[in-house]
Amino acid sequence: RPMVSNIFLFLFILFLIKFNRKKIFFKKNFILLGILSGLSFTSLFHHFVVEQISLLFFLIYKFQSQTIKKLKQNITCVIFYILSFILVSSPFLINIYFIEPDYLQRIGLVNLDYEKKIILFKYLFVKLFKPEFLIVFIIIIFQIILINTKNWFKKLRKLNIIFIIFYASIISPFVFILISTKSSSHLYLFNNQIVIWA
């Protein structure tokens, strides 16, 4: 559906595609990424979670075993990324901190205790192991192998970014449930993103 948060997501993807072609560790790049991440976080946190996992996977894909070394060498860029994200998202975080608990309940925000997390994990695993999804997943795996091993499809290797986002969308609900202490009634949007990127 058309939402302003989609603009931030598509811009984030555009950045990843451009980063795949050239050197990425410039302060300007990471400041812009931090701003986009902050805008996504304040507009639709589902996109934000997918974006951050996609960025991590992209760095691993691009630098492989040198990822941690590269981040250490360019720690200034990482700091600028974090600072720009905090700057953009701070009004939203302050608002959430001082908001009335009753209002949070009215908009569907609930506490995620251990039992609820187990229920959500079971639900996600059931969905992921449905035959329909497994067939699509196997087809995508086959496409990735074909594109990255055959020179005929060399021009299509830019699609690796989309594959990365697809895998990030699968992992994102698990990561969110694992680290979050609260959840909203819009958790189904994570499942929608998996379907979209598949």
N, C-alpha and C. Protein backbone atom coordinates (compact mmCIF):
# COMPACT_ATOMS: atom_id res chain seq x y z
N ARG A 1 0.84 -1.20 0.00
CA ARG A 1 0.00 0.00 0.00
C ARG A 1 0.88 1.25 0.00
N PRO A 2 0.40 2.35 -0.56
CA PRO A 2 1.24 3.56 -0.63
C PRO A 2 1.42 4.21 0.73
N MET A 3 2.65 4.29 1.21
CA MET A 3 2.96 4.94 2.48
C MET A 3 4.25 5.72 2.29
N VAL A 4 4.38 6.80 3.04
CA VAL A 4 5.60 7.61 2.93
C VAL A 4 6.81 6.80 3.38
N SER A 5 6.61 5.83 4.27
CA SER A 5 7.72 5.00 4.74
C SER A 5 8.34 4.18 3.61
N ASN A 6 7.52 3.89 2.58
CA ASN A 6 8.06 3.14 1.42
C ASN A 6 9.13 3.95 0.70
N ILE A 7 8.97 5.26 0.68
CA ILE A 7 9.97 6.12 0.02
C ILE A 7 11.32 5.96 0.71
N PHE A 8 11.31 5.95 2.05
CA PHE A 8 12.56 5.78 2.80
C PHE A 8 13.17 4.41 2.54
N LEU A 9 12.32 3.40 2.46
CA LEU A 9 12.81 2.03 2.19
C LEU A 9 13.44 1.95 0.82
N PHE A 10 12.79 2.51 -0.20
CA PHE A 10 13.32 2.44 -1.56
C PHE A 10 14.62 3.25 -1.69
N LEU A 11 14.70 4.37 -0.99
CA LEU A 11 15.94 5.14 -0.99
C LEU A 11 17.07 4.35 -0.34
N PHE A 12 16.75 3.63 0.71
CA PHE A 12 17.73 2.79 1.39
C PHE A 12 18.25 1.71 0.44
N ILE A 13 17.34 1.09 -0.30
CA ILE A 13 17.73 0.07 -1.27
C ILE A 13 18.60 0.68 -2.36
N LEU A 14 18.23 1.88 -2.82
CA LEU A 14 19.02 2.56 -3.85
C LEU A 14 20.45 2.80 -3.36
N PHE A 15 20.59 3.18 -2.10
CA PHE A 15 21.92 3.37 -1.52
C PHE A 15 22.72 2.07 -1.55
N LEU A 16 22.08 0.97 -1.18
CA LEU A 16 22.78 -0.31 -1.17
C LEU A 16 23.24 -0.70 -2.58
N ILE A 17 22.39 -0.46 -3.57
CA ILE A 17 22.75 -0.78 -4.96
C ILE A 17 23.95 0.06 -5.40
N LYS A 18 23.94 1.35 -5.05
CA LYS A 18 25.07 2.21 -5.41
C LYS A 18 26.33 1.82 -4.65
N PHE A 19 26.18 1.45 -3.38
CA PHE A 19 27.33 1.05 -2.58
C PHE A 19 27.97 -0.21 -3.13
N ASN A 20 27.18 -1.03 -3.78
CA ASN A 20 27.70 -2.29 -4.33
C ASN A 20 28.65 -2.04 -5.50
N ARG A 21 28.57 -0.84 -6.09
CA ARG A 21 29.38 -0.53 -7.28
C ARG A 21 30.63 0.28 -6.95
N LYS A 22 30.68 0.87 -5.80
CA LYS A 22 31.80 1.78 -5.51
C LYS A 22 32.17 1.72 -4.04
N LYS A 23 33.21 2.47 -3.68
CA LYS A 23 33.64 2.55 -2.29
C LYS A 23 32.54 3.22 -1.45
N ILE A 24 32.27 2.66 -0.29
CA ILE A 24 31.13 3.14 0.49
C ILE A 24 31.52 3.93 1.73
N PHE A 25 32.74 3.75 2.22
CA PHE A 25 33.09 4.34 3.51
C PHE A 25 33.47 5.81 3.39
N PHE A 26 32.41 6.63 3.19
CA PHE A 26 32.53 8.08 3.25
C PHE A 26 31.55 8.58 4.31
N LYS A 27 31.94 9.61 5.05
CA LYS A 27 31.09 10.13 6.12
C LYS A 27 29.72 10.54 5.58
N LYS A 28 29.72 11.17 4.40
CA LYS A 28 28.47 11.64 3.81
C LYS A 28 27.50 10.49 3.59
N ASN A 29 28.01 9.37 3.10
CA ASN A 29 27.15 8.20 2.85
C ASN A 29 26.50 7.70 4.13
N PHE A 30 27.28 7.60 5.19
CA PHE A 30 26.76 7.05 6.43
C PHE A 30 25.87 8.04 7.18
N ILE A 31 26.10 9.31 7.00
CA ILE A 31 25.18 10.30 7.57
C ILE A 31 23.81 10.19 6.90
N LEU A 32 23.80 10.09 5.57
CA LEU A 32 22.54 9.95 4.84
C LEU A 32 21.84 8.64 5.19
N LEU A 33 22.62 7.56 5.34
CA LEU A 33 22.03 6.29 5.74
C LEU A 33 21.42 6.38 7.15
N GLY A 34 22.11 7.07 8.04
CA GLY A 34 21.59 7.25 9.39
C GLY A 34 20.30 8.04 9.40
N ILE A 35 20.24 9.07 8.56
CA ILE A 35 19.01 9.88 8.46
C ILE A 35 17.86 9.02 7.92
N LEU A 36 18.13 8.24 6.87
CA LEU A 36 17.10 7.37 6.31
C LEU A 36 16.63 6.33 7.33
N SER A 37 17.58 5.80 8.08
CA SER A 37 17.23 4.81 9.11
C SER A 37 16.36 5.45 10.19
N GLY A 38 16.70 6.68 10.58
CA GLY A 38 15.91 7.38 11.58
C GLY A 38 14.50 7.67 11.09
N LEU A 39 14.38 8.06 9.83
CA LEU A 39 13.05 8.34 9.25
C LEU A 39 12.23 7.06 9.16
N SER A 40 12.87 5.96 8.80
CA SER A 40 12.16 4.67 8.74
C SER A 40 11.72 4.23 10.12
N PHE A 41 12.61 4.42 11.10
CA PHE A 41 12.29 4.02 12.48
C PHE A 41 11.09 4.77 13.01
N THR A 42 10.99 6.05 12.69
CA THR A 42 9.89 6.86 13.21
C THR A 42 8.61 6.72 12.40
N SER A 43 8.70 6.18 11.20
CA SER A 43 7.49 6.05 10.37
C SER A 43 6.94 4.62 10.36
N LEU A 44 7.84 3.62 10.25
CA LEU A 44 7.39 2.22 10.28
C LEU A 44 8.59 1.36 10.69
N PHE A 45 8.59 0.93 11.95
CA PHE A 45 9.77 0.26 12.49
C PHE A 45 10.01 -1.10 11.82
N HIS A 46 8.97 -1.68 11.19
CA HIS A 46 9.15 -2.95 10.47
C HIS A 46 10.17 -2.77 9.35
N HIS A 47 10.05 -1.67 8.62
CA HIS A 47 11.03 -1.36 7.58
C HIS A 47 12.41 -1.13 8.17
N PHE A 48 12.43 -0.45 9.31
CA PHE A 48 13.70 -0.15 9.95
C PHE A 48 14.47 -1.42 10.30
N VAL A 49 13.78 -2.40 10.86
CA VAL A 49 14.44 -3.66 11.25
C VAL A 49 14.99 -4.37 10.01
N VAL A 50 14.19 -4.44 8.96
CA VAL A 50 14.64 -5.08 7.71
C VAL A 50 15.84 -4.34 7.14
N GLU A 51 15.81 -3.02 7.17
CA GLU A 51 16.91 -2.21 6.63
C GLU A 51 18.22 -2.48 7.37
N GLN A 52 18.15 -2.53 8.70
CA GLN A 52 19.39 -2.71 9.47
C GLN A 52 19.99 -4.10 9.25
N ILE A 53 19.14 -5.11 9.20
CA ILE A 53 19.65 -6.47 8.94
C ILE A 53 20.17 -6.57 7.51
N SER A 54 19.50 -5.91 6.58
CA SER A 54 19.96 -5.89 5.18
C SER A 54 21.33 -5.22 5.07
N LEU A 55 21.51 -4.12 5.80
CA LEU A 55 22.79 -3.42 5.78
C LEU A 55 23.91 -4.31 6.32
N LEU A 56 23.62 -5.01 7.41
CA LEU A 56 24.61 -5.92 7.98
C LEU A 56 24.96 -7.04 7.00
N PHE A 57 23.93 -7.65 6.40
CA PHE A 57 24.16 -8.72 5.42
C PHE A 57 24.92 -8.20 4.20
N PHE A 58 24.60 -6.96 3.79
CA PHE A 58 25.27 -6.38 2.64
C PHE A 58 26.77 -6.20 2.91
N LEU A 59 27.10 -5.70 4.09
CA LEU A 59 28.50 -5.51 4.44
C LEU A 59 29.24 -6.85 4.48
N ILE A 60 28.58 -7.88 5.00
CA ILE A 60 29.18 -9.22 5.03
C ILE A 60 29.35 -9.75 3.61
N TYR A 61 28.34 -9.51 2.77
CA TYR A 61 28.39 -9.95 1.36
C TYR A 61 29.52 -9.24 0.61
N LYS A 62 29.70 -7.95 0.89
CA LYS A 62 30.69 -7.16 0.15
C LYS A 62 32.12 -7.40 0.65
N PHE A 63 32.28 -7.50 1.96
CA PHE A 63 33.64 -7.59 2.53
C PHE A 63 33.98 -8.96 3.11
N GLN A 64 32.96 -9.81 3.25
CA GLN A 64 33.13 -11.19 3.73
C GLN A 64 33.91 -11.22 5.05
N SER A 65 35.03 -11.93 5.09
CA SER A 65 35.77 -12.09 6.35
C SER A 65 36.42 -10.79 6.82
N GLN A 66 36.47 -9.78 5.95
CA GLN A 66 37.10 -8.51 6.30
C GLN A 66 36.10 -7.49 6.86
N THR A 67 34.86 -7.91 7.09
CA THR A 67 33.81 -6.97 7.50
C THR A 67 34.15 -6.25 8.79
N ILE A 68 34.49 -6.99 9.84
CA ILE A 68 34.79 -6.37 11.13
C ILE A 68 36.02 -5.47 11.01
N LYS A 69 37.02 -5.93 10.28
CA LYS A 69 38.23 -5.13 10.07
C LYS A 69 37.89 -3.81 9.38
N LYS A 70 37.05 -3.87 8.34
CA LYS A 70 36.66 -2.65 7.62
C LYS A 70 35.90 -1.68 8.52
N LEU A 71 35.02 -2.23 9.35
CA LEU A 71 34.26 -1.37 10.26
C LEU A 71 35.17 -0.71 11.29
N LYS A 72 36.15 -1.44 11.77
CA LYS A 72 37.11 -0.87 12.72
C LYS A 72 37.95 0.22 12.07
N GLN A 73 38.34 -0.02 10.81
CA GLN A 73 39.15 0.97 10.10
C GLN A 73 38.35 2.24 9.80
N ASN A 74 37.05 2.09 9.70
CA ASN A 74 36.19 3.23 9.35
C ASN A 74 35.19 3.51 10.48
N ILE A 75 35.67 3.42 11.70
CA ILE A 75 34.80 3.60 12.87
C ILE A 75 34.16 4.98 12.89
N THR A 76 34.83 5.98 12.30
CA THR A 76 34.26 7.33 12.24
C THR A 76 32.94 7.35 11.47
N CYS A 77 32.90 6.60 10.36
CA CYS A 77 31.67 6.50 9.57
C CYS A 77 30.55 5.86 10.38
N VAL A 78 30.89 4.83 11.13
CA VAL A 78 29.90 4.15 11.97
C VAL A 78 29.36 5.10 13.03
N ILE A 79 30.24 5.89 13.64
CA ILE A 79 29.83 6.86 14.67
C ILE A 79 28.90 7.91 14.06
N PHE A 80 29.24 8.41 12.88
CA PHE A 80 28.38 9.39 12.20
C PHE A 80 27.01 8.79 11.86
N TYR A 81 27.01 7.52 11.50
CA TYR A 81 25.76 6.81 11.21
C TYR A 81 24.87 6.78 12.46
N ILE A 82 25.45 6.40 13.59
CA ILE A 82 24.70 6.30 14.83
C ILE A 82 24.21 7.67 15.29
N LEU A 83 25.08 8.67 15.21
CA LEU A 83 24.71 10.02 15.66
C LEU A 83 23.59 10.62 14.81
N SER A 84 23.68 10.45 13.49
CA SER A 84 22.64 10.99 12.61
C SER A 84 21.31 10.26 12.84
N PHE A 85 21.38 8.96 13.11
CA PHE A 85 20.15 8.20 13.43
C PHE A 85 19.52 8.71 14.72
N ILE A 86 20.33 8.89 15.75
CA ILE A 86 19.82 9.37 17.04
C ILE A 86 19.22 10.76 16.91
N LEU A 87 19.90 11.62 16.14
CA LEU A 87 19.41 12.99 15.95
C LEU A 87 18.03 13.01 15.32
N VAL A 88 17.81 12.19 14.30
CA VAL A 88 16.53 12.17 13.59
C VAL A 88 15.44 11.50 14.42
N SER A 89 15.78 10.43 15.11
CA SER A 89 14.77 9.65 15.83
C SER A 89 14.52 10.11 17.26
N SER A 90 15.36 11.02 17.78
CA SER A 90 15.23 11.44 19.18
C SER A 90 13.86 12.06 19.52
N PRO A 91 13.24 12.91 18.66
CA PRO A 91 11.91 13.43 19.02
C PRO A 91 10.89 12.31 19.22
N PHE A 92 10.96 11.29 18.36
CA PHE A 92 10.04 10.16 18.48
C PHE A 92 10.31 9.38 19.76
N LEU A 93 11.58 9.14 20.07
CA LEU A 93 11.95 8.38 21.27
C LEU A 93 11.54 9.13 22.54
N ILE A 94 11.73 10.44 22.55
CA ILE A 94 11.33 11.26 23.70
C ILE A 94 9.82 11.21 23.88
N ASN A 95 9.10 11.29 22.78
CA ASN A 95 7.64 11.24 22.83
C ASN A 95 7.16 9.90 23.39
N ILE A 96 7.78 8.80 22.94
CA ILE A 96 7.41 7.47 23.42
C ILE A 96 7.71 7.32 24.91
N TYR A 97 8.83 7.89 25.34
CA TYR A 97 9.23 7.76 26.74
C TYR A 97 8.24 8.45 27.69
N PHE A 98 7.72 9.61 27.27
CA PHE A 98 6.85 10.38 28.15
C PHE A 98 5.36 10.13 27.89
N ILE A 99 5.04 9.23 26.99
CA ILE A 99 3.63 9.00 26.64
C ILE A 99 2.93 8.22 27.75
N GLU A 100 1.63 8.40 27.87
CA GLU A 100 0.85 7.69 28.89
C GLU A 100 0.74 6.21 28.56
N PRO A 101 0.93 5.32 29.54
CA PRO A 101 0.82 3.87 29.30
C PRO A 101 -0.54 3.46 28.76
N ASP A 102 -1.59 4.13 29.20
CA ASP A 102 -2.94 3.80 28.74
C ASP A 102 -3.07 4.01 27.23
N TYR A 103 -2.44 5.06 26.75
CA TYR A 103 -2.51 5.34 25.31
C TYR A 103 -1.80 4.25 24.51
N LEU A 104 -0.67 3.76 25.02
CA LEU A 104 0.06 2.69 24.35
C LEU A 104 -0.80 1.44 24.24
N GLN A 105 -1.57 1.16 25.27
CA GLN A 105 -2.46 0.00 25.24
C GLN A 105 -3.58 0.19 24.22
N ARG A 106 -4.08 1.41 24.12
CA ARG A 106 -5.17 1.70 23.18
C ARG A 106 -4.72 1.53 21.73
N ILE A 107 -3.44 1.82 21.43
CA ILE A 107 -2.97 1.68 20.06
C ILE A 107 -2.43 0.27 19.78
N GLY A 108 -2.60 -0.63 20.76
CA GLY A 108 -2.26 -2.03 20.53
C GLY A 108 -0.88 -2.46 20.93
N LEU A 109 -0.18 -1.65 21.73
CA LEU A 109 1.17 -2.02 22.17
C LEU A 109 1.06 -2.84 23.45
N VAL A 110 1.63 -4.03 23.42
CA VAL A 110 1.55 -4.95 24.56
C VAL A 110 2.95 -5.40 24.96
N ASN A 111 3.09 -5.82 26.21
CA ASN A 111 4.36 -6.35 26.70
C ASN A 111 4.62 -7.73 26.11
N LEU A 112 5.87 -7.97 25.75
CA LEU A 112 6.26 -9.28 25.22
C LEU A 112 7.03 -10.04 26.30
N ASP A 113 6.34 -10.93 27.00
CA ASP A 113 7.04 -11.76 27.98
C ASP A 113 7.53 -13.04 27.30
N TYR A 114 8.16 -13.90 28.08
CA TYR A 114 8.76 -15.13 27.53
C TYR A 114 7.72 -16.01 26.85
N GLU A 115 6.57 -16.19 27.48
CA GLU A 115 5.53 -17.08 26.92
C GLU A 115 5.00 -16.55 25.60
N LYS A 116 4.77 -15.25 25.52
CA LYS A 116 4.27 -14.65 24.28
C LYS A 116 5.30 -14.77 23.16
N LYS A 117 6.58 -14.61 23.51
CA LYS A 117 7.63 -14.75 22.50
C LYS A 117 7.66 -16.17 21.94
N ILE A 118 7.50 -17.17 22.80
CA ILE A 118 7.48 -18.56 22.35
C ILE A 118 6.31 -18.80 21.40
N ILE A 119 5.15 -18.25 21.74
CA ILE A 119 3.96 -18.40 20.88
C ILE A 119 4.21 -17.78 19.51
N LEU A 120 4.81 -16.58 19.50
CA LEU A 120 5.08 -15.90 18.23
C LEU A 120 6.14 -16.63 17.41
N PHE A 121 7.16 -17.16 18.08
CA PHE A 121 8.18 -17.94 17.37
C PHE A 121 7.57 -19.18 16.71
N LYS A 122 6.71 -19.87 17.44
CA LYS A 122 6.05 -21.07 16.90
C LYS A 122 5.19 -20.70 15.69
N TYR A 123 4.48 -19.59 15.80
CA TYR A 123 3.64 -19.13 14.69
C TYR A 123 4.48 -18.85 13.45
N LEU A 124 5.61 -18.16 13.64
CA LEU A 124 6.49 -17.84 12.51
C LEU A 124 7.07 -19.09 11.87
N PHE A 125 7.50 -20.04 12.68
CA PHE A 125 8.06 -21.28 12.14
C PHE A 125 7.03 -22.07 11.35
N VAL A 126 5.80 -22.09 11.84
CA VAL A 126 4.73 -22.79 11.11
C VAL A 126 4.53 -22.15 9.74
N LYS A 127 4.53 -20.82 9.71
CA LYS A 127 4.34 -20.10 8.44
C LYS A 127 5.51 -20.36 7.48
N LEU A 128 6.73 -20.37 8.01
CA LEU A 128 7.91 -20.53 7.15
C LEU A 128 8.05 -21.94 6.60
N PHE A 129 7.51 -22.92 7.29
CA PHE A 129 7.62 -24.30 6.84
C PHE A 129 6.40 -24.79 6.07
N LYS A 130 5.56 -23.86 5.66
CA LYS A 130 4.45 -24.22 4.78
C LYS A 130 5.00 -24.58 3.40
N PRO A 131 4.42 -25.59 2.74
CA PRO A 131 4.95 -26.02 1.42
C PRO A 131 5.05 -24.89 0.41
N GLU A 132 4.08 -23.98 0.42
CA GLU A 132 4.09 -22.89 -0.56
C GLU A 132 5.34 -22.02 -0.41
N PHE A 133 5.66 -21.70 0.84
CA PHE A 133 6.83 -20.86 1.07
C PHE A 133 8.12 -21.61 0.77
N LEU A 134 8.19 -22.87 1.15
CA LEU A 134 9.41 -23.66 0.92
C LEU A 134 9.71 -23.79 -0.57
N ILE A 135 8.66 -23.95 -1.38
CA ILE A 135 8.84 -24.04 -2.83
C ILE A 135 9.44 -22.74 -3.37
N VAL A 136 8.86 -21.62 -2.94
CA VAL A 136 9.37 -20.32 -3.38
C VAL A 136 10.81 -20.12 -2.91
N PHE A 137 11.10 -20.51 -1.69
CA PHE A 137 12.43 -20.35 -1.11
C PHE A 137 13.46 -21.16 -1.90
N ILE A 138 13.13 -22.39 -2.24
CA ILE A 138 14.04 -23.26 -3.00
C ILE A 138 14.29 -22.68 -4.40
N ILE A 139 13.23 -22.15 -5.02
CA ILE A 139 13.38 -21.54 -6.34
C ILE A 139 14.32 -20.35 -6.28
N ILE A 140 14.18 -19.53 -5.23
CA ILE A 140 15.04 -18.35 -5.08
C ILE A 140 16.48 -18.77 -4.84
N ILE A 141 16.69 -19.80 -4.03
CA ILE A 141 18.05 -20.31 -3.80
C ILE A 141 18.67 -20.77 -5.12
N PHE A 142 17.89 -21.47 -5.92
CA PHE A 142 18.37 -21.95 -7.21
C PHE A 142 18.75 -20.78 -8.12
N GLN A 143 17.94 -19.73 -8.11
CA GLN A 143 18.21 -18.55 -8.92
C GLN A 143 19.51 -17.86 -8.48
N ILE A 144 19.71 -17.77 -7.18
CA ILE A 144 20.93 -17.14 -6.65
C ILE A 144 22.16 -17.90 -7.10
N ILE A 145 22.11 -19.23 -6.98
CA ILE A 145 23.25 -20.07 -7.38
C ILE A 145 23.52 -19.91 -8.88
N LEU A 146 22.46 -19.90 -9.66
CA LEU A 146 22.60 -19.79 -11.12
C LEU A 146 23.20 -18.44 -11.51
N ILE A 147 22.69 -17.36 -10.92
CA ILE A 147 23.15 -16.02 -11.26
C ILE A 147 24.61 -15.81 -10.87
N ASN A 148 25.02 -16.38 -9.75
CA ASN A 148 26.36 -16.13 -9.23
C ASN A 148 27.41 -17.13 -9.69
N THR A 149 27.00 -18.17 -10.43
CA THR A 149 27.98 -19.16 -10.90
C THR A 149 28.12 -19.18 -12.42
N LYS A 150 27.13 -18.66 -13.12
CA LYS A 150 27.17 -18.67 -14.58
C LYS A 150 27.46 -17.28 -15.11
N ASN A 151 28.45 -17.17 -15.96
CA ASN A 151 28.83 -15.87 -16.53
C ASN A 151 27.74 -15.28 -17.42
N TRP A 152 26.87 -16.13 -17.93
CA TRP A 152 25.77 -15.63 -18.78
C TRP A 152 24.90 -14.64 -18.02
N PHE A 153 24.80 -14.84 -16.71
CA PHE A 153 23.90 -14.02 -15.89
C PHE A 153 24.65 -12.97 -15.08
N LYS A 154 25.85 -12.63 -15.54
CA LYS A 154 26.69 -11.71 -14.77
C LYS A 154 26.00 -10.37 -14.54
N LYS A 155 25.28 -9.88 -15.55
CA LYS A 155 24.61 -8.59 -15.43
C LYS A 155 23.47 -8.62 -14.40
N LEU A 156 22.99 -9.81 -14.10
CA LEU A 156 21.88 -9.94 -13.15
C LEU A 156 22.36 -10.01 -11.71
N ARG A 157 23.66 -9.97 -11.49
CA ARG A 157 24.18 -10.11 -10.13
C ARG A 157 23.84 -8.92 -9.24
N LYS A 158 23.40 -7.82 -9.87
CA LYS A 158 22.93 -6.69 -9.07
C LYS A 158 21.68 -7.06 -8.27
N LEU A 159 21.01 -8.15 -8.69
CA LEU A 159 19.82 -8.62 -7.97
C LEU A 159 20.19 -9.24 -6.62
N ASN A 160 21.47 -9.46 -6.39
CA ASN A 160 21.89 -9.98 -5.09
C ASN A 160 21.42 -9.09 -3.94
N ILE A 161 21.30 -7.80 -4.21
CA ILE A 161 20.81 -6.87 -3.18
C ILE A 161 19.37 -7.23 -2.80
N ILE A 162 18.55 -7.55 -3.80
CA ILE A 162 17.17 -7.94 -3.54
C ILE A 162 17.12 -9.24 -2.76
N PHE A 163 18.00 -10.18 -3.10
CA PHE A 163 18.06 -11.45 -2.37
C PHE A 163 18.44 -11.20 -0.91
N ILE A 164 19.37 -10.29 -0.70
CA ILE A 164 19.79 -9.95 0.67
C ILE A 164 18.61 -9.41 1.47
N ILE A 165 17.84 -8.51 0.85
CA ILE A 165 16.68 -7.93 1.54
C ILE A 165 15.63 -9.01 1.82
N PHE A 166 15.48 -9.95 0.88
CA PHE A 166 14.54 -11.05 1.09
C PHE A 166 14.92 -11.87 2.32
N TYR A 167 16.20 -12.23 2.44
CA TYR A 167 16.64 -13.00 3.60
C TYR A 167 16.52 -12.18 4.88
N ALA A 168 16.80 -10.89 4.78
CA ALA A 168 16.65 -10.01 5.94
C ALA A 168 15.20 -9.95 6.40
N SER A 169 14.28 -9.95 5.44
CA SER A 169 12.85 -9.89 5.79
C SER A 169 12.41 -11.17 6.51
N ILE A 170 13.06 -12.30 6.21
CA ILE A 170 12.73 -13.56 6.89
C ILE A 170 13.23 -13.53 8.33
N ILE A 171 14.44 -13.02 8.52
CA ILE A 171 15.06 -13.02 9.84
C ILE A 171 14.53 -11.91 10.74
N SER A 172 14.09 -10.81 10.13
CA SER A 172 13.72 -9.61 10.91
C SER A 172 12.65 -9.86 11.98
N PRO A 173 11.56 -10.61 11.72
CA PRO A 173 10.59 -10.79 12.81
C PRO A 173 11.17 -11.56 13.99
N PHE A 174 12.05 -12.52 13.72
CA PHE A 174 12.68 -13.28 14.80
C PHE A 174 13.58 -12.37 15.64
N VAL A 175 14.35 -11.52 14.96
CA VAL A 175 15.24 -10.59 15.67
C VAL A 175 14.42 -9.62 16.51
N PHE A 176 13.36 -9.09 15.92
CA PHE A 176 12.53 -8.12 16.63
C PHE A 176 11.91 -8.74 17.88
N ILE A 177 11.33 -9.92 17.73
CA ILE A 177 10.69 -10.59 18.87
C ILE A 177 11.71 -10.92 19.94
N LEU A 178 12.90 -11.31 19.52
CA LEU A 178 13.95 -11.71 20.46
C LEU A 178 14.42 -10.54 21.32
N ILE A 179 14.62 -9.37 20.71
CA ILE A 179 15.23 -8.26 21.45
C ILE A 179 14.21 -7.27 22.01
N SER A 180 12.97 -7.32 21.52
CA SER A 180 11.98 -6.34 21.94
C SER A 180 11.24 -6.78 23.21
N THR A 181 10.88 -5.81 24.03
CA THR A 181 10.08 -6.09 25.21
C THR A 181 8.60 -5.76 24.99
N LYS A 182 8.32 -5.13 23.85
CA LYS A 182 6.94 -4.78 23.52
C LYS A 182 6.67 -5.09 22.06
N SER A 183 5.40 -5.27 21.75
CA SER A 183 5.00 -5.52 20.36
C SER A 183 3.65 -4.88 20.11
N SER A 184 3.37 -4.63 18.83
CA SER A 184 2.09 -4.04 18.47
C SER A 184 1.24 -5.05 17.73
N SER A 185 0.01 -4.68 17.47
CA SER A 185 -0.90 -5.56 16.74
C SER A 185 -0.55 -5.61 15.25
N HIS A 186 0.46 -4.81 14.83
CA HIS A 186 0.84 -4.77 13.42
C HIS A 186 2.03 -5.67 13.12
N LEU A 187 2.23 -6.68 13.94
CA LEU A 187 3.36 -7.59 13.74
C LEU A 187 3.23 -8.35 12.42
N TYR A 188 2.00 -8.47 11.92
CA TYR A 188 1.77 -9.16 10.65
C TYR A 188 2.48 -8.48 9.48
N LEU A 189 2.85 -7.21 9.64
CA LEU A 189 3.53 -6.50 8.55
C LEU A 189 4.88 -7.13 8.23
N PHE A 190 5.49 -7.80 9.20
CA PHE A 190 6.73 -8.52 8.92
C PHE A 190 6.47 -9.64 7.90
N ASN A 191 5.37 -10.36 8.11
CA ASN A 191 5.01 -11.43 7.16
C ASN A 191 4.71 -10.87 5.78
N ASN A 192 4.07 -9.71 5.75
CA ASN A 192 3.76 -9.08 4.46
C ASN A 192 5.04 -8.75 3.69
N GLN A 193 6.06 -8.31 4.42
CA GLN A 193 7.32 -7.96 3.76
C GLN A 193 8.00 -9.19 3.16
N ILE A 194 7.91 -10.33 3.84
CA ILE A 194 8.48 -11.56 3.30
C ILE A 194 7.81 -11.91 1.98
N VAL A 195 6.49 -11.79 1.94
CA VAL A 195 5.74 -12.09 0.71
C VAL A 195 6.12 -11.13 -0.39
N ILE A 196 6.25 -9.84 -0.08
CA ILE A 196 6.57 -8.83 -1.07
C ILE A 196 7.94 -9.08 -1.69
N TRP A 197 8.96 -9.33 -0.85
CA TRP A 197 10.32 -9.50 -1.37
C TRP A 197 10.53 -10.86 -2.02
N ALA A 198 9.66 -11.83 -1.70
CA ALA A 198 9.75 -13.14 -2.40
C ALA A 198 9.31 -12.99 -3.84
